[in-house]
Protein backbone atom coordinates (compact mmCIF):
# COMPACT_ATOMS: atom_id res chain seq x y z
CA UNK A 1 0.00 0.00 0.00
CA UNK A 2 2.78 2.44 0.84
CA UNK A 3 4.33 1.90 -2.58
CA UNK A 4 1.03 2.73 -4.26
CA UNK A 5 0.65 5.81 -2.06
CA UNK A 6 4.06 7.03 -3.15
CA UNK A 7 3.23 6.62 -6.84
CA UNK A 8 -0.22 8.26 -6.64
CA UNK A 9 -0.03 11.75 -8.24
CA UNK A 10 -2.28 13.82 -5.94
CA UNK A 11 -3.83 13.94 -2.49
CA UNK A 12 -7.16 12.61 -3.70
CA UNK A 13 -5.44 9.81 -5.62
CA UNK A 14 -3.63 8.83 -2.43
CA UNK A 15 -6.93 8.96 -0.55
CA UNK A 16 -8.45 6.56 -3.08
CA UNK A 17 -5.48 4.21 -2.66
CA UNK A 18 -6.37 4.02 1.04
CA UNK A 19 -10.05 3.37 0.40
CA UNK A 20 -9.32 0.79 -2.30
CA UNK A 21 -7.15 -1.12 0.18
CA UNK A 22 -9.89 -1.13 2.82
CA UNK A 23 -11.57 -4.42 1.76
CA UNK A 24 -8.27 -6.27 2.26
CA UNK A 25 -7.57 -4.60 5.61
CA UNK A 26 -10.91 -4.28 7.38
CA UNK A 27 -11.02 -7.75 8.95
CA UNK A 28 -7.48 -7.52 10.34
CA UNK A 29 -7.94 -3.97 11.63
CA UNK A 30 -10.77 -5.11 13.88
CA UNK A 31 -8.34 -7.30 15.83
CA UNK A 32 -6.69 -5.83 18.93
CA UNK A 33 -3.35 -7.23 17.81
CA UNK A 34 -3.51 -4.92 14.77
CA UNK A 35 -4.39 -1.78 16.73
CA UNK A 36 -1.14 -0.09 15.71
CA UNK A 37 -1.99 -0.61 12.04
CA UNK A 38 -5.50 0.73 12.72
CA UNK A 39 -4.07 3.93 14.15
CA UNK A 40 -1.65 4.27 11.23
CA UNK A 41 -4.46 3.81 8.70
CA UNK A 42 -6.59 6.42 10.47
CA UNK A 43 -3.62 8.78 10.60
CA UNK A 44 -3.12 8.46 6.83
CA UNK A 45 -6.79 9.23 6.25
CA UNK A 46 -6.47 12.36 8.38
CA UNK A 47 -3.43 13.42 6.37
CA UNK A 48 -4.95 13.00 2.91
CA UNK A 49 -8.62 13.84 3.54
CA UNK A 50 -9.53 17.51 3.33
CA UNK A 51 -11.92 19.71 1.36
CA UNK A 52 -9.52 19.92 -1.60
CA UNK A 53 -9.04 16.15 -1.87
CA UNK A 54 -12.83 15.66 -2.02
CA UNK A 55 -13.34 18.26 -4.74
CA UNK A 56 -13.04 15.98 -7.79
CA UNK A 57 -14.31 12.71 -6.34
CA UNK A 58 -17.49 11.04 -7.53
CA UNK A 59 -20.54 10.48 -5.34
CA UNK A 60 -19.82 6.74 -5.08
CA UNK A 61 -16.23 7.42 -3.99
CA UNK A 62 -17.27 9.83 -1.24
CA UNK A 63 -19.99 7.45 -0.06
CA UNK A 64 -17.30 4.79 0.29
CA UNK A 65 -15.13 7.17 2.31
CA UNK A 66 -18.04 7.94 4.65
CA UNK A 67 -18.73 4.23 5.08
CA UNK A 68 -15.08 3.57 5.99
CA UNK A 69 -14.97 6.45 8.48
CA UNK A 70 -18.13 5.19 10.19
CA UNK A 71 -16.73 1.67 10.36
CA UNK A 72 -13.42 2.85 11.80
CA UNK A 73 -15.22 4.90 14.46
CA UNK A 74 -17.23 1.82 15.46
CA UNK A 75 -13.99 -0.13 15.85
CA UNK A 76 -12.38 2.61 17.94
CA UNK A 77 -14.33 5.75 18.85
CA UNK A 78 -11.12 7.43 20.05
CA UNK A 79 -9.62 7.71 16.56
CA UNK A 80 -11.06 11.23 16.24
CA UNK A 81 -12.64 10.90 12.81
CA UNK A 82 -15.94 12.70 13.48
CA UNK A 83 -14.95 16.01 11.86
CA UNK A 84 -13.59 14.24 8.78
CA UNK A 85 -16.85 12.36 8.48
CA UNK A 86 -18.84 15.62 8.65
CA UNK A 87 -16.58 17.13 6.00
CA UNK A 88 -17.13 14.19 3.66
CA UNK A 89 -20.88 14.17 4.35
CA UNK A 90 -21.15 17.88 3.54
CA UNK A 91 -19.44 17.38 0.19
CA UNK A 92 -21.63 14.35 -0.49
CA UNK A 93 -24.77 16.35 0.31
CA UNK A 94 -23.68 19.19 -1.98
CA UNK A 95 -23.13 16.81 -4.90
CA UNK A 96 -26.57 15.29 -4.40
CA UNK A 97 -28.18 18.74 -4.30
CA UNK A 98 -26.33 19.78 -7.46
CA UNK A 99 -27.91 16.93 -9.41
CA UNK A 100 -31.37 17.36 -7.88
CA UNK A 101 -31.24 14.32 -5.56
CA UNK A 102 -32.62 16.29 -2.62
CA UNK A 103 -33.71 13.39 -0.41
CA UNK A 104 -30.28 11.73 -0.70
CA UNK A 105 -28.66 15.08 0.14
CA UNK A 106 -30.86 15.47 3.21
CA UNK A 107 -29.94 11.96 4.33
CA UNK A 108 -26.28 13.00 4.20
CA UNK A 109 -27.16 16.06 6.29
CA UNK A 110 -28.78 13.74 8.84
CA UNK A 111 -25.36 12.16 9.23
CA UNK A 112 -23.82 15.56 9.89
CA UNK A 113 -26.42 16.27 12.59
CA UNK A 114 -26.33 12.69 13.88
CA UNK A 115 -30.11 12.58 14.13
CA UNK A 116 -33.12 11.92 11.94
CA UNK A 117 -34.85 14.78 10.17
CA UNK A 118 -38.44 15.07 9.00
CA UNK A 119 -38.45 14.68 5.20
CA UNK A 120 -42.19 14.32 4.69
CA UNK A 121 -42.57 17.74 3.06
CA UNK A 122 -44.16 18.28 -0.33
CA UNK A 123 -42.67 21.02 -2.50
CA UNK A 124 -43.96 21.71 -5.99
CA UNK A 125 -41.29 20.95 -8.57
CA UNK A 126 -42.32 23.55 -11.14
CA UNK A 127 -41.54 22.46 -14.71
CA UNK A 128 -38.50 24.36 -15.94
CA UNK A 129 -37.21 25.19 -12.48
CA UNK A 130 -33.53 24.57 -11.82
CA UNK A 131 -31.95 22.32 -9.20
CA UNK A 132 -30.91 25.45 -7.32
CA UNK A 133 -34.46 26.84 -7.25
CA UNK A 134 -35.84 23.59 -5.88
CA UNK A 135 -33.08 23.42 -3.28
CA UNK A 136 -33.83 27.01 -2.29
CA UNK A 137 -37.47 26.03 -1.69
CA UNK A 138 -36.28 23.18 0.55
CA UNK A 139 -34.15 25.65 2.54
CA UNK A 140 -37.18 27.87 3.08
CA UNK A 141 -39.22 24.89 4.31
CA UNK A 142 -36.66 24.03 7.01
CA UNK A 143 -36.41 27.68 8.04
CA UNK A 144 -39.73 27.22 9.86
CA UNK A 145 -39.54 23.48 10.58
CA UNK A 146 -35.98 22.64 11.72
CA UNK A 147 -33.51 25.41 12.60
CA UNK A 148 -30.57 22.99 12.86
CA UNK A 149 -31.11 21.60 9.38
CA UNK A 150 -31.77 25.10 8.03
CA UNK A 151 -28.43 26.32 9.38
CA UNK A 152 -26.58 23.58 7.48
CA UNK A 153 -28.56 24.04 4.28
CA UNK A 154 -28.28 27.83 4.23
CA UNK A 155 -24.47 27.60 4.27
CA UNK A 156 -24.58 25.27 1.28
CA UNK A 157 -27.10 27.49 -0.51
CA UNK A 158 -24.98 30.61 -0.03
CA UNK A 159 -21.90 28.79 -1.29
CA UNK A 160 -23.81 27.52 -4.32
CA UNK A 161 -25.25 30.96 -5.08
CA UNK A 162 -21.85 32.63 -4.82
CA UNK A 163 -20.36 30.20 -7.33
CA UNK A 164 -23.23 30.43 -9.79
CA UNK A 165 -23.66 34.21 -9.81
CA UNK A 166 -20.07 35.47 -9.59
CA UNK A 167 -18.80 37.37 -12.62
CA UNK A 168 -15.16 38.03 -13.41
CA UNK A 169 -13.21 38.86 -16.52
CA UNK A 170 -9.82 37.36 -15.74
CA UNK A 171 -10.76 33.74 -15.08
CA UNK A 172 -12.97 30.95 -16.38
CA UNK A 173 -13.86 27.56 -14.97
CA UNK A 174 -12.49 24.79 -17.15
CA UNK A 175 -12.82 21.01 -17.05
CA UNK A 176 -9.27 19.71 -17.43
CA UNK A 177 -8.28 16.10 -18.02
CA UNK A 178 -5.61 14.70 -15.72
CA UNK A 179 -3.08 12.32 -17.21
CA UNK A 180 -2.09 9.10 -15.46
CA UNK A 181 1.27 7.31 -15.54
CA UNK A 182 0.38 5.79 -18.92
CA UNK A 183 -0.28 9.23 -20.43
CA UNK A 184 -4.00 8.54 -20.76
CA UNK A 185 -6.70 10.74 -19.26
CA UNK A 186 -7.85 9.34 -15.93
CA UNK A 187 -10.02 12.02 -14.28
CA UNK A 188 -11.74 15.27 -15.11
CA UNK A 189 -11.00 18.17 -12.79
CA UNK A 190 -12.81 21.51 -12.68
CA UNK A 191 -10.21 24.23 -12.17
CA UNK A 192 -9.96 27.99 -12.50
CA UNK A 193 -7.98 29.17 -15.52
CA UNK A 194 -6.64 32.66 -14.81
CA UNK A 195 -5.58 34.96 -17.61
CA UNK A 196 -4.31 38.41 -18.48
CA UNK A 197 -3.78 39.89 -21.92
CA UNK A 198 -2.31 42.97 -23.48
CA UNK A 199 -1.83 44.14 -27.04
CA UNK A 200 1.55 43.25 -28.47
CA UNK A 201 3.64 45.93 -30.12
CA UNK A 202 2.64 46.87 -33.64
CA UNK A 203 5.90 45.34 -34.84
CA UNK A 204 5.11 41.96 -33.26
CA UNK A 205 4.80 39.24 -35.95
CA UNK A 206 2.47 36.94 -34.00
CA UNK A 207 0.67 36.19 -30.75
CA UNK A 208 2.72 35.11 -27.75
CA UNK A 209 1.30 32.78 -25.09
CA UNK A 210 2.89 32.08 -21.72
CA UNK A 211 1.76 29.54 -19.15
CA UNK A 212 3.04 29.74 -15.58
CA UNK A 213 5.49 32.42 -16.77
CA UNK A 214 6.96 30.17 -19.47
CA UNK A 215 6.50 31.03 -23.15
CA UNK A 216 4.74 28.25 -25.07
CA UNK A 217 4.82 27.58 -28.82
CA UNK A 218 1.81 26.74 -31.02
CA UNK A 219 2.89 23.08 -31.15
CA UNK A 220 2.88 22.71 -27.35
CA UNK A 221 0.73 19.62 -26.54
CA UNK A 222 -1.12 21.39 -23.73
CA UNK A 223 -1.24 25.13 -24.41
CA UNK A 224 -0.85 25.10 -28.19
CA UNK A 225 -4.60 25.20 -28.78
CA UNK A 226 -4.74 28.63 -27.11
CA UNK A 227 -3.21 30.16 -30.23
CA UNK A 228 -6.28 29.08 -32.18
CA UNK A 229 -8.47 30.54 -29.42
CA UNK A 230 -6.79 33.92 -29.81
CA UNK A 231 -7.41 33.88 -33.55
CA UNK A 232 -11.10 33.17 -32.92
CA UNK A 233 -11.36 35.91 -30.29
CA UNK A 234 -9.73 38.39 -32.65
CA UNK A 235 -12.54 37.83 -35.14
CA UNK A 236 -15.25 38.14 -32.50
CA UNK A 237 -14.10 41.39 -30.89
CA UNK A 238 -13.82 42.99 -34.31
CA UNK A 239 -17.58 42.60 -34.69
CA UNK A 240 -18.21 44.48 -31.43
CA UNK A 241 -16.49 47.73 -32.28
CA UNK A 242 -12.90 46.92 -31.29
CA UNK A 243 -11.47 47.28 -34.78
CA UNK A 244 -7.97 48.27 -33.71
CA UNK A 245 -7.63 45.43 -31.18
CA UNK A 246 -8.88 42.92 -33.74
CA UNK A 247 -6.03 43.83 -36.08
CA UNK A 248 -3.25 43.44 -33.49
CA UNK A 249 -1.47 40.46 -31.99
CA UNK A 250 -1.69 39.67 -28.27
CA UNK A 251 0.57 38.74 -25.38
CA UNK A 252 -1.53 36.33 -23.30
CA UNK A 253 -0.59 34.91 -19.91
CA UNK A 254 -2.34 31.91 -18.31
CA UNK A 255 -2.14 29.83 -15.14
CA UNK A 256 -4.29 27.26 -13.37
CA UNK A 257 -5.23 28.34 -9.87
CA UNK A 258 -4.28 26.04 -6.99
CA UNK A 259 -3.42 22.99 -9.06
CA UNK A 260 -0.50 20.58 -8.96
CA UNK A 261 -1.86 18.03 -11.43
CA UNK A 262 -0.64 17.40 -14.98
CA UNK A 263 -3.38 17.91 -17.56
CA UNK A 264 -3.92 17.23 -21.22
CA UNK A 265 -4.85 20.08 -23.56
CA UNK A 266 -8.26 18.71 -24.53
CA UNK A 267 -10.29 21.48 -22.88
CA UNK A 268 -8.13 24.56 -22.38
CA UNK A 269 -8.90 26.15 -25.75
CA UNK A 270 -12.52 27.05 -25.00
CA UNK A 271 -11.79 28.39 -21.51
CA UNK A 272 -8.87 30.44 -22.83
CA UNK A 273 -11.11 32.00 -25.47
CA UNK A 274 -13.70 32.91 -22.87
């Protein structure tokens, strides 16, 4: 297991190594003679499990993490995993709410509160309404029926609203594809692509693109597609009154915010254009 942990590229990949090893370890870890290994396993979970490592995991993967944390706590309640479990449950609930699975999201919130919650409400699901609008109606229901649940839900709603309504001109969310050891795409990751751009000198013969302060050529396997994006943007802005800018070349600078993964260039072109 330690060898696989060392080879795993990111914190969430290491976390999944731990959870994938659980079926082979769970029976032994229940034995008192393996208590040292139990503590080490729990310590590794604490090290690799945080909000960032849950960000790109699927619902089924987070459900598995929650199941393991609950099982470990039953084996030894002194392992101190309660806060990690709440963190994982919150992320699980958010993912369920995003896809409109409200009852499943509320069940995850029950785990956070460690008590059952009344879910017998009836809320009209108006045709054409979004997942957010339905979730907002659920929040309003609990405002008058369960203050504890409402407090949890309102935090999630505010976070969701902030992400969906924010407007900025120097970044765009982009789904990147992470490469594994074999060079093949293994996982999609939503990251923030940051950018700045200025007009190149009139004598400049072409666009210039830099990524993480390093100049990249048009044949770069990751950033090369950005050159095509700049050509497309040049045509668009010319139609909106920026004639001079549409005739000039650009110096464009890009970076991916808070990311240590290695990505393919399959998706960067669209986000760069935006």
